[in-house]
Amino acid sequence: MLLAATQLEPTREGHCLPVSFVDVKEAERLRQLIPLWLDRPERRRTENDVVIVYRWLEEYHPELLKRRESDPYQQLMADLRKYIQES
């Protein structure tokens, strides 16, 4: 698994140590997924529209769905939660 530091914090000796790490594959997945959602018109970014996007992703970009999770649809909802418009 590739990891990348999300933040570096200098020690008293001046060395930079990673504060937290992010799975690079996960970061790349989100980097591709979020713009696909945000490219939709605002009125088409509701909770109901997540179903449509989920089905589209299953067919055209299944690599953007987290298959290791027990429910990839619920994971997609969690990934998009802060970008979903109220209906």
N, C-alpha and C. Protein backbone atom coordinates (compact mmCIF):
# COMPACT_ATOMS: atom_id res chain seq x y z
N MET A 1 0.84 -1.17 0.00
CA MET A 1 0.00 0.00 0.00
C MET A 1 0.89 1.24 0.00
N LEU A 2 0.60 2.15 -0.90
CA LEU A 2 1.35 3.39 -0.94
C LEU A 2 0.73 4.39 0.02
N LEU A 3 1.56 5.07 0.76
CA LEU A 3 1.07 6.07 1.70
C LEU A 3 1.74 7.39 1.41
N ALA A 4 1.04 8.45 1.64
CA ALA A 4 1.62 9.79 1.47
C ALA A 4 1.31 10.61 2.70
N ALA A 5 2.27 11.39 3.13
CA ALA A 5 2.05 12.26 4.28
C ALA A 5 1.10 13.37 3.89
N THR A 6 0.15 13.63 4.73
CA THR A 6 -0.79 14.72 4.46
C THR A 6 -0.33 16.01 5.13
N GLN A 7 0.57 15.90 6.06
CA GLN A 7 1.06 17.09 6.76
C GLN A 7 2.41 16.73 7.38
N LEU A 8 3.35 17.65 7.32
CA LEU A 8 4.65 17.42 7.94
C LEU A 8 4.82 18.38 9.09
N GLU A 9 5.37 17.88 10.16
CA GLU A 9 5.58 18.71 11.34
C GLU A 9 7.06 18.63 11.74
N PRO A 10 7.74 19.78 11.81
CA PRO A 10 9.16 19.75 12.17
C PRO A 10 9.37 19.40 13.64
N THR A 11 10.42 18.62 13.89
CA THR A 11 10.80 18.30 15.27
C THR A 11 11.74 19.39 15.77
N ARG A 12 12.13 19.30 17.04
CA ARG A 12 13.08 20.28 17.58
C ARG A 12 14.40 20.24 16.83
N GLU A 13 14.75 19.07 16.29
CA GLU A 13 16.01 18.93 15.56
C GLU A 13 15.89 19.42 14.12
N GLY A 14 14.69 19.82 13.70
CA GLY A 14 14.50 20.33 12.35
C GLY A 14 14.07 19.27 11.33
N HIS A 15 13.91 18.03 11.77
CA HIS A 15 13.44 16.98 10.86
C HIS A 15 11.93 17.08 10.71
N CYS A 16 11.44 16.76 9.53
CA CYS A 16 10.00 16.76 9.31
C CYS A 16 9.47 15.35 9.43
N LEU A 17 8.49 15.18 10.29
CA LEU A 17 7.85 13.89 10.48
C LEU A 17 6.41 13.96 10.02
N PRO A 18 5.91 12.91 9.37
CA PRO A 18 4.51 12.91 8.95
C PRO A 18 3.58 12.88 10.15
N VAL A 19 2.57 13.73 10.11
CA VAL A 19 1.59 13.78 11.18
C VAL A 19 0.50 12.73 10.92
N SER A 20 0.05 12.62 9.69
CA SER A 20 -0.94 11.61 9.34
C SER A 20 -0.68 11.14 7.92
N PHE A 21 -1.23 9.99 7.58
CA PHE A 21 -1.02 9.41 6.28
C PHE A 21 -2.35 9.12 5.61
N VAL A 22 -2.35 9.17 4.28
CA VAL A 22 -3.53 8.85 3.49
C VAL A 22 -3.12 7.81 2.46
N ASP A 23 -3.95 6.82 2.26
CA ASP A 23 -3.72 5.83 1.22
C ASP A 23 -3.78 6.57 -0.12
N VAL A 24 -2.69 6.51 -0.90
CA VAL A 24 -2.62 7.25 -2.16
C VAL A 24 -3.72 6.80 -3.12
N LYS A 25 -4.00 5.50 -3.17
CA LYS A 25 -5.07 5.01 -4.05
C LYS A 25 -6.42 5.60 -3.65
N GLU A 26 -6.67 5.70 -2.36
CA GLU A 26 -7.93 6.28 -1.87
C GLU A 26 -8.00 7.76 -2.22
N ALA A 27 -6.92 8.47 -2.04
CA ALA A 27 -6.89 9.91 -2.37
C ALA A 27 -7.12 10.11 -3.87
N GLU A 28 -6.52 9.28 -4.69
CA GLU A 28 -6.71 9.38 -6.14
C GLU A 28 -8.15 9.05 -6.53
N ARG A 29 -8.72 8.05 -5.88
CA ARG A 29 -10.12 7.69 -6.15
C ARG A 29 -11.04 8.87 -5.87
N LEU A 30 -10.84 9.51 -4.74
CA LEU A 30 -11.66 10.68 -4.39
C LEU A 30 -11.37 11.86 -5.30
N ARG A 31 -10.12 12.01 -5.71
CA ARG A 31 -9.75 13.11 -6.62
C ARG A 31 -10.48 12.98 -7.95
N GLN A 32 -10.77 11.77 -8.36
CA GLN A 32 -11.52 11.54 -9.60
C GLN A 32 -13.02 11.56 -9.38
N LEU A 33 -13.46 11.05 -8.26
CA LEU A 33 -14.89 10.91 -7.98
C LEU A 33 -15.58 12.26 -7.74
N ILE A 34 -15.01 13.08 -6.89
CA ILE A 34 -15.66 14.34 -6.50
C ILE A 34 -15.93 15.25 -7.69
N PRO A 35 -14.96 15.47 -8.60
CA PRO A 35 -15.27 16.31 -9.77
C PRO A 35 -16.38 15.75 -10.65
N LEU A 36 -16.49 14.42 -10.75
CA LEU A 36 -17.59 13.84 -11.53
C LEU A 36 -18.93 14.24 -10.93
N TRP A 37 -19.00 14.25 -9.61
CA TRP A 37 -20.23 14.65 -8.93
C TRP A 37 -20.47 16.15 -9.09
N LEU A 38 -19.44 16.95 -8.90
CA LEU A 38 -19.59 18.40 -8.95
C LEU A 38 -19.84 18.92 -10.37
N ASP A 39 -19.52 18.12 -11.39
CA ASP A 39 -19.80 18.52 -12.77
C ASP A 39 -21.30 18.45 -13.09
N ARG A 40 -22.04 17.76 -12.25
CA ARG A 40 -23.49 17.69 -12.43
C ARG A 40 -24.12 19.03 -12.04
N PRO A 41 -25.23 19.42 -12.69
CA PRO A 41 -25.92 20.64 -12.26
C PRO A 41 -26.33 20.51 -10.79
N GLU A 42 -26.36 21.62 -10.07
CA GLU A 42 -26.69 21.59 -8.64
C GLU A 42 -28.01 20.88 -8.36
N ARG A 43 -28.99 21.09 -9.19
CA ARG A 43 -30.30 20.46 -8.97
C ARG A 43 -30.25 18.95 -9.18
N ARG A 44 -29.16 18.45 -9.73
CA ARG A 44 -28.98 17.01 -9.96
C ARG A 44 -27.90 16.43 -9.04
N ARG A 45 -27.73 17.06 -7.89
CA ARG A 45 -26.77 16.57 -6.90
C ARG A 45 -27.46 16.30 -5.57
N THR A 46 -28.67 15.76 -5.64
CA THR A 46 -29.42 15.46 -4.43
C THR A 46 -29.12 14.03 -3.99
N GLU A 47 -29.62 13.69 -2.83
CA GLU A 47 -29.43 12.33 -2.32
C GLU A 47 -30.02 11.30 -3.28
N ASN A 48 -31.15 11.64 -3.91
CA ASN A 48 -31.77 10.72 -4.88
C ASN A 48 -30.88 10.50 -6.10
N ASP A 49 -30.11 11.52 -6.47
CA ASP A 49 -29.24 11.41 -7.64
C ASP A 49 -28.02 10.52 -7.40
N VAL A 50 -27.70 10.26 -6.15
CA VAL A 50 -26.57 9.38 -5.85
C VAL A 50 -26.83 7.99 -6.43
N VAL A 51 -28.09 7.55 -6.44
CA VAL A 51 -28.44 6.24 -7.02
C VAL A 51 -28.08 6.22 -8.50
N ILE A 52 -28.40 7.27 -9.21
CA ILE A 52 -28.12 7.36 -10.65
C ILE A 52 -26.61 7.32 -10.89
N VAL A 53 -25.89 8.09 -10.11
CA VAL A 53 -24.43 8.14 -10.25
C VAL A 53 -23.83 6.79 -9.88
N TYR A 54 -24.35 6.17 -8.85
CA TYR A 54 -23.85 4.85 -8.45
C TYR A 54 -23.99 3.85 -9.59
N ARG A 55 -25.14 3.81 -10.21
CA ARG A 55 -25.36 2.88 -11.33
C ARG A 55 -24.44 3.20 -12.51
N TRP A 56 -24.24 4.49 -12.77
CA TRP A 56 -23.33 4.90 -13.85
C TRP A 56 -21.90 4.47 -13.53
N LEU A 57 -21.49 4.67 -12.29
CA LEU A 57 -20.14 4.26 -11.88
C LEU A 57 -19.97 2.75 -11.99
N GLU A 58 -20.98 1.99 -11.61
CA GLU A 58 -20.91 0.53 -11.72
C GLU A 58 -20.60 0.10 -13.15
N GLU A 59 -21.22 0.79 -14.10
CA GLU A 59 -21.05 0.42 -15.50
C GLU A 59 -19.78 0.99 -16.13
N TYR A 60 -19.47 2.25 -15.86
CA TYR A 60 -18.39 2.92 -16.58
C TYR A 60 -17.09 3.11 -15.78
N HIS A 61 -17.18 3.22 -14.48
CA HIS A 61 -15.99 3.44 -13.65
C HIS A 61 -16.08 2.68 -12.33
N PRO A 62 -16.18 1.36 -12.38
CA PRO A 62 -16.30 0.59 -11.14
C PRO A 62 -15.09 0.75 -10.22
N GLU A 63 -13.96 1.14 -10.77
CA GLU A 63 -12.76 1.34 -9.94
C GLU A 63 -12.93 2.50 -8.96
N LEU A 64 -13.91 3.36 -9.19
CA LEU A 64 -14.15 4.49 -8.29
C LEU A 64 -15.08 4.13 -7.12
N LEU A 65 -15.61 2.92 -7.14
CA LEU A 65 -16.44 2.44 -6.02
C LEU A 65 -15.58 1.59 -5.11
N LYS A 66 -15.80 1.73 -3.82
CA LYS A 66 -15.05 0.93 -2.85
C LYS A 66 -15.70 -0.43 -2.70
N ARG A 67 -15.17 -1.41 -3.37
CA ARG A 67 -15.74 -2.76 -3.35
C ARG A 67 -15.37 -3.52 -2.09
N ARG A 68 -14.30 -3.12 -1.43
CA ARG A 68 -13.89 -3.83 -0.22
C ARG A 68 -14.83 -3.56 0.94
N GLU A 69 -15.56 -2.48 0.85
CA GLU A 69 -16.51 -2.14 1.90
C GLU A 69 -17.74 -3.04 1.78
N SER A 70 -18.45 -3.22 2.86
CA SER A 70 -19.61 -4.10 2.85
C SER A 70 -20.72 -3.58 1.94
N ASP A 71 -20.87 -2.27 1.83
CA ASP A 71 -21.92 -1.68 1.00
C ASP A 71 -21.32 -0.51 0.22
N PRO A 72 -20.93 -0.73 -1.04
CA PRO A 72 -20.30 0.34 -1.82
C PRO A 72 -21.22 1.56 -2.02
N TYR A 73 -22.54 1.32 -2.07
CA TYR A 73 -23.46 2.45 -2.22
C TYR A 73 -23.40 3.36 -0.99
N GLN A 74 -23.42 2.78 0.20
CA GLN A 74 -23.34 3.58 1.42
C GLN A 74 -22.00 4.30 1.52
N GLN A 75 -20.93 3.67 1.04
CA GLN A 75 -19.63 4.32 1.03
C GLN A 75 -19.64 5.51 0.08
N LEU A 76 -20.29 5.36 -1.08
CA LEU A 76 -20.41 6.47 -2.02
C LEU A 76 -21.19 7.61 -1.39
N MET A 77 -22.26 7.28 -0.69
CA MET A 77 -23.04 8.32 0.02
C MET A 77 -22.14 9.06 1.01
N ALA A 78 -21.33 8.32 1.74
CA ALA A 78 -20.43 8.94 2.71
C ALA A 78 -19.39 9.82 2.01
N ASP A 79 -18.86 9.35 0.87
CA ASP A 79 -17.87 10.13 0.12
C ASP A 79 -18.45 11.44 -0.39
N LEU A 80 -19.71 11.42 -0.78
CA LEU A 80 -20.34 12.59 -1.39
C LEU A 80 -21.14 13.44 -0.42
N ARG A 81 -21.28 12.99 0.82
CA ARG A 81 -22.16 13.62 1.81
C ARG A 81 -22.06 15.15 1.84
N LYS A 82 -20.87 15.70 1.90
CA LYS A 82 -20.78 17.16 2.03
C LYS A 82 -21.01 17.90 0.72
N TYR A 83 -21.18 17.16 -0.38
CA TYR A 83 -21.42 17.78 -1.69
C TYR A 83 -22.86 17.60 -2.15
N ILE A 84 -23.68 16.92 -1.36
CA ILE A 84 -25.08 16.65 -1.74
C ILE A 84 -25.93 17.88 -1.43
N GLN A 85 -26.74 18.27 -2.40
CA GLN A 85 -27.65 19.40 -2.23
C GLN A 85 -28.96 18.90 -1.62
N GLU A 86 -29.58 19.74 -0.84
CA GLU A 86 -30.90 19.37 -0.28
C GLU A 86 -31.92 19.42 -1.39
N SER A 87 -32.86 18.44 -1.37
CA SER A 87 -33.88 18.41 -2.42
C SER A 87 -35.05 19.29 -2.12
